[in-house]
Amino acid sequence: MRTELVTRLKRQATEILDELERHKEPVLITQHGLPSAYLLDVETFERLQARMDLLEGIARGEKAVEEGRMLTHAQAKQRMRRWLK
């Protein structure tokens, strides 16, 4: 992962964005020597967002199981039939 100073981002944003699109490698932006932000290309961001959505769904499912909120196979089939009508 590349690291760039915020001052370079201010001066050469177009060049940094072109490199980001070409290499698909996140860029860490630092300000006063400290991490400030990450720049990601759109495709990478959307892929990460989809993964997060999937992981959140899994976490909700695990919580539902812990809380006893489950359906039998027959109950699930019956609900799906209603949704598909």
N, C-alpha and C. Protein backbone atom coordinates (compact mmCIF):
# COMPACT_ATOMS: atom_id res chain seq x y z
N MET A 1 0.85 -1.17 0.00
CA MET A 1 0.00 0.00 0.00
C MET A 1 0.90 1.24 0.00
N ARG A 2 0.53 2.16 -0.85
CA ARG A 2 1.28 3.42 -0.92
C ARG A 2 0.82 4.38 0.14
N THR A 3 1.72 5.25 0.53
CA THR A 3 1.40 6.32 1.47
C THR A 3 1.75 7.64 0.79
N GLU A 4 0.84 8.59 0.90
CA GLU A 4 1.06 9.92 0.32
C GLU A 4 0.74 10.98 1.36
N LEU A 5 1.45 12.07 1.28
CA LEU A 5 1.16 13.22 2.15
C LEU A 5 -0.07 13.95 1.63
N VAL A 6 -0.83 14.52 2.54
CA VAL A 6 -2.02 15.26 2.14
C VAL A 6 -1.63 16.45 1.24
N THR A 7 -0.46 17.00 1.45
CA THR A 7 -0.03 18.12 0.60
C THR A 7 0.16 17.66 -0.84
N ARG A 8 0.67 16.44 -1.06
CA ARG A 8 0.80 15.93 -2.43
C ARG A 8 -0.58 15.68 -3.02
N LEU A 9 -1.50 15.20 -2.22
CA LEU A 9 -2.87 14.99 -2.70
C LEU A 9 -3.47 16.31 -3.16
N LYS A 10 -3.24 17.36 -2.39
CA LYS A 10 -3.77 18.68 -2.75
C LYS A 10 -3.19 19.16 -4.08
N ARG A 11 -1.90 18.93 -4.28
CA ARG A 11 -1.21 19.44 -5.47
C ARG A 11 -1.37 18.56 -6.69
N GLN A 12 -1.45 17.24 -6.46
CA GLN A 12 -1.42 16.30 -7.58
C GLN A 12 -2.55 15.28 -7.51
N ALA A 13 -3.74 15.74 -7.18
CA ALA A 13 -4.89 14.84 -7.01
C ALA A 13 -5.17 14.04 -8.27
N THR A 14 -5.14 14.68 -9.42
CA THR A 14 -5.45 13.98 -10.67
C THR A 14 -4.46 12.86 -10.92
N GLU A 15 -3.18 13.12 -10.71
CA GLU A 15 -2.16 12.10 -10.92
C GLU A 15 -2.34 10.93 -9.95
N ILE A 16 -2.59 11.23 -8.69
CA ILE A 16 -2.80 10.18 -7.68
C ILE A 16 -4.02 9.34 -8.02
N LEU A 17 -5.11 9.99 -8.45
CA LEU A 17 -6.32 9.25 -8.82
C LEU A 17 -6.08 8.39 -10.06
N ASP A 18 -5.32 8.89 -11.02
CA ASP A 18 -4.99 8.08 -12.20
C ASP A 18 -4.20 6.84 -11.81
N GLU A 19 -3.22 7.00 -10.93
CA GLU A 19 -2.42 5.87 -10.46
C GLU A 19 -3.30 4.88 -9.69
N LEU A 20 -4.19 5.41 -8.90
CA LEU A 20 -5.10 4.56 -8.12
C LEU A 20 -5.96 3.71 -9.04
N GLU A 21 -6.49 4.31 -10.08
CA GLU A 21 -7.33 3.58 -11.04
C GLU A 21 -6.50 2.53 -11.79
N ARG A 22 -5.28 2.87 -12.13
CA ARG A 22 -4.41 1.97 -12.88
C ARG A 22 -3.96 0.77 -12.04
N HIS A 23 -3.51 1.02 -10.83
CA HIS A 23 -2.90 -0.03 -10.01
C HIS A 23 -3.87 -0.71 -9.04
N LYS A 24 -5.02 -0.11 -8.79
CA LYS A 24 -6.03 -0.68 -7.87
C LYS A 24 -5.46 -0.92 -6.48
N GLU A 25 -4.49 -0.13 -6.09
CA GLU A 25 -3.85 -0.27 -4.78
C GLU A 25 -4.29 0.89 -3.88
N PRO A 26 -4.84 0.60 -2.70
CA PRO A 26 -5.25 1.69 -1.80
C PRO A 26 -4.09 2.62 -1.48
N VAL A 27 -4.43 3.87 -1.24
CA VAL A 27 -3.43 4.88 -0.89
C VAL A 27 -3.78 5.42 0.50
N LEU A 28 -2.81 5.36 1.40
CA LEU A 28 -2.98 5.92 2.74
C LEU A 28 -2.54 7.38 2.68
N ILE A 29 -3.42 8.27 3.08
CA ILE A 29 -3.11 9.70 3.12
C ILE A 29 -2.75 10.05 4.56
N THR A 30 -1.60 10.71 4.72
CA THR A 30 -1.17 11.12 6.05
C THR A 30 -1.22 12.64 6.16
N GLN A 31 -1.47 13.08 7.35
CA GLN A 31 -1.51 14.52 7.65
C GLN A 31 -0.75 14.72 8.95
N HIS A 32 0.24 15.56 8.91
CA HIS A 32 1.11 15.80 10.08
C HIS A 32 1.74 14.50 10.56
N GLY A 33 2.07 13.62 9.61
CA GLY A 33 2.73 12.36 9.94
C GLY A 33 1.83 11.26 10.47
N LEU A 34 0.53 11.53 10.53
CA LEU A 34 -0.41 10.54 11.07
C LEU A 34 -1.39 10.09 9.98
N PRO A 35 -1.81 8.83 10.02
CA PRO A 35 -2.81 8.36 9.04
C PRO A 35 -4.07 9.21 9.14
N SER A 36 -4.59 9.61 7.99
CA SER A 36 -5.76 10.47 7.97
C SER A 36 -6.93 9.84 7.20
N ALA A 37 -6.62 9.20 6.06
CA ALA A 37 -7.69 8.62 5.23
C ALA A 37 -7.09 7.61 4.26
N TYR A 38 -7.96 6.77 3.73
CA TYR A 38 -7.57 5.85 2.67
C TYR A 38 -8.31 6.26 1.41
N LEU A 39 -7.62 6.17 0.29
CA LEU A 39 -8.25 6.35 -1.02
C LEU A 39 -8.35 4.98 -1.66
N LEU A 40 -9.54 4.64 -2.16
CA LEU A 40 -9.77 3.37 -2.84
C LEU A 40 -10.42 3.65 -4.18
N ASP A 41 -10.12 2.81 -5.17
CA ASP A 41 -10.85 2.93 -6.43
C ASP A 41 -12.28 2.44 -6.20
N VAL A 42 -13.18 2.83 -7.08
CA VAL A 42 -14.60 2.53 -6.91
C VAL A 42 -14.86 1.03 -6.88
N GLU A 43 -14.24 0.28 -7.78
CA GLU A 43 -14.46 -1.16 -7.84
C GLU A 43 -14.06 -1.84 -6.53
N THR A 44 -12.92 -1.48 -5.98
CA THR A 44 -12.46 -2.06 -4.72
C THR A 44 -13.40 -1.68 -3.58
N PHE A 45 -13.82 -0.42 -3.54
CA PHE A 45 -14.74 0.02 -2.49
C PHE A 45 -16.05 -0.77 -2.56
N GLU A 46 -16.61 -0.91 -3.76
CA GLU A 46 -17.88 -1.62 -3.91
C GLU A 46 -17.75 -3.09 -3.54
N ARG A 47 -16.61 -3.70 -3.87
CA ARG A 47 -16.37 -5.10 -3.49
C ARG A 47 -16.28 -5.24 -1.97
N LEU A 48 -15.58 -4.31 -1.32
CA LEU A 48 -15.49 -4.34 0.14
C LEU A 48 -16.86 -4.12 0.78
N GLN A 49 -17.64 -3.22 0.19
CA GLN A 49 -18.98 -2.95 0.71
C GLN A 49 -19.86 -4.19 0.62
N ALA A 50 -19.76 -4.92 -0.50
CA ALA A 50 -20.54 -6.15 -0.66
C ALA A 50 -20.12 -7.20 0.36
N ARG A 51 -18.82 -7.29 0.62
CA ARG A 51 -18.33 -8.24 1.63
C ARG A 51 -18.86 -7.87 3.01
N MET A 52 -18.85 -6.58 3.32
CA MET A 52 -19.36 -6.13 4.62
C MET A 52 -20.84 -6.45 4.76
N ASP A 53 -21.61 -6.24 3.70
CA ASP A 53 -23.04 -6.56 3.73
C ASP A 53 -23.25 -8.05 4.01
N LEU A 54 -22.45 -8.88 3.34
CA LEU A 54 -22.56 -10.32 3.55
C LEU A 54 -22.21 -10.70 4.99
N LEU A 55 -21.12 -10.14 5.51
CA LEU A 55 -20.71 -10.44 6.89
C LEU A 55 -21.75 -9.96 7.90
N GLU A 56 -22.36 -8.80 7.63
CA GLU A 56 -23.41 -8.31 8.53
C GLU A 56 -24.62 -9.23 8.51
N GLY A 57 -24.95 -9.76 7.33
CA GLY A 57 -26.06 -10.71 7.23
C GLY A 57 -25.77 -11.99 8.02
N ILE A 58 -24.55 -12.47 7.91
CA ILE A 58 -24.15 -13.66 8.67
C ILE A 58 -24.24 -13.39 10.17
N ALA A 59 -23.76 -12.22 10.59
CA ALA A 59 -23.81 -11.87 12.01
C ALA A 59 -25.26 -11.79 12.51
N ARG A 60 -26.16 -11.22 11.69
CA ARG A 60 -27.58 -11.17 12.08
C ARG A 60 -28.15 -12.58 12.20
N GLY A 61 -27.77 -13.46 11.28
CA GLY A 61 -28.24 -14.84 11.33
C GLY A 61 -27.74 -15.56 12.57
N GLU A 62 -26.46 -15.36 12.90
CA GLU A 62 -25.92 -15.99 14.10
C GLU A 62 -26.61 -15.48 15.36
N LYS A 63 -26.90 -14.18 15.38
CA LYS A 63 -27.61 -13.62 16.54
C LYS A 63 -29.01 -14.21 16.65
N ALA A 64 -29.69 -14.35 15.51
CA ALA A 64 -31.04 -14.93 15.51
C ALA A 64 -31.00 -16.35 16.06
N VAL A 65 -29.99 -17.13 15.68
CA VAL A 65 -29.87 -18.51 16.18
C VAL A 65 -29.65 -18.48 17.69
N GLU A 66 -28.76 -17.59 18.17
CA GLU A 66 -28.51 -17.48 19.62
C GLU A 66 -29.77 -17.13 20.38
N GLU A 67 -30.62 -16.30 19.76
CA GLU A 67 -31.86 -15.86 20.42
C GLU A 67 -33.02 -16.83 20.18
N GLY A 68 -32.76 -17.92 19.46
CA GLY A 68 -33.80 -18.92 19.23
C GLY A 68 -34.80 -18.52 18.16
N ARG A 69 -34.49 -17.51 17.36
CA ARG A 69 -35.40 -17.07 16.30
C ARG A 69 -35.06 -17.83 15.01
N MET A 70 -35.57 -19.06 14.93
CA MET A 70 -35.29 -19.92 13.79
C MET A 70 -36.59 -20.49 13.25
N LEU A 71 -36.52 -20.97 12.00
CA LEU A 71 -37.66 -21.62 11.38
C LEU A 71 -37.26 -23.04 11.02
N THR A 72 -38.26 -23.92 11.01
CA THR A 72 -38.00 -25.25 10.47
C THR A 72 -37.95 -25.14 8.95
N HIS A 73 -37.48 -26.19 8.32
CA HIS A 73 -37.42 -26.20 6.86
C HIS A 73 -38.81 -25.99 6.27
N ALA A 74 -39.80 -26.67 6.83
CA ALA A 74 -41.19 -26.55 6.34
C ALA A 74 -41.70 -25.12 6.50
N GLN A 75 -41.43 -24.49 7.62
CA GLN A 75 -41.86 -23.10 7.83
C GLN A 75 -41.19 -22.16 6.82
N ALA A 76 -39.92 -22.37 6.58
CA ALA A 76 -39.19 -21.53 5.63
C ALA A 76 -39.76 -21.70 4.22
N LYS A 77 -40.07 -22.94 3.83
CA LYS A 77 -40.66 -23.19 2.51
C LYS A 77 -42.01 -22.50 2.37
N GLN A 78 -42.80 -22.55 3.44
CA GLN A 78 -44.13 -21.93 3.42
C GLN A 78 -43.99 -20.41 3.24
N ARG A 79 -43.06 -19.79 3.96
CA ARG A 79 -42.85 -18.34 3.81
C ARG A 79 -42.36 -17.99 2.41
N MET A 80 -41.48 -18.82 1.86
CA MET A 80 -40.97 -18.56 0.52
C MET A 80 -42.09 -18.65 -0.52
N ARG A 81 -42.98 -19.60 -0.33
CA ARG A 81 -44.12 -19.72 -1.27
C ARG A 81 -44.94 -18.44 -1.26
N ARG A 82 -45.18 -17.86 -0.08
CA ARG A 82 -45.95 -16.61 0.02
C ARG A 82 -45.22 -15.47 -0.68
N TRP A 83 -43.91 -15.40 -0.53
CA TRP A 83 -43.12 -14.33 -1.13
C TRP A 83 -43.10 -14.44 -2.66
N LEU A 84 -43.12 -15.67 -3.15
CA LEU A 84 -42.99 -15.90 -4.59
C LEU A 84 -44.31 -15.78 -5.34
N LYS A 85 -45.42 -15.66 -4.61
CA LYS A 85 -46.73 -15.55 -5.28
C LYS A 85 -46.98 -14.15 -5.74
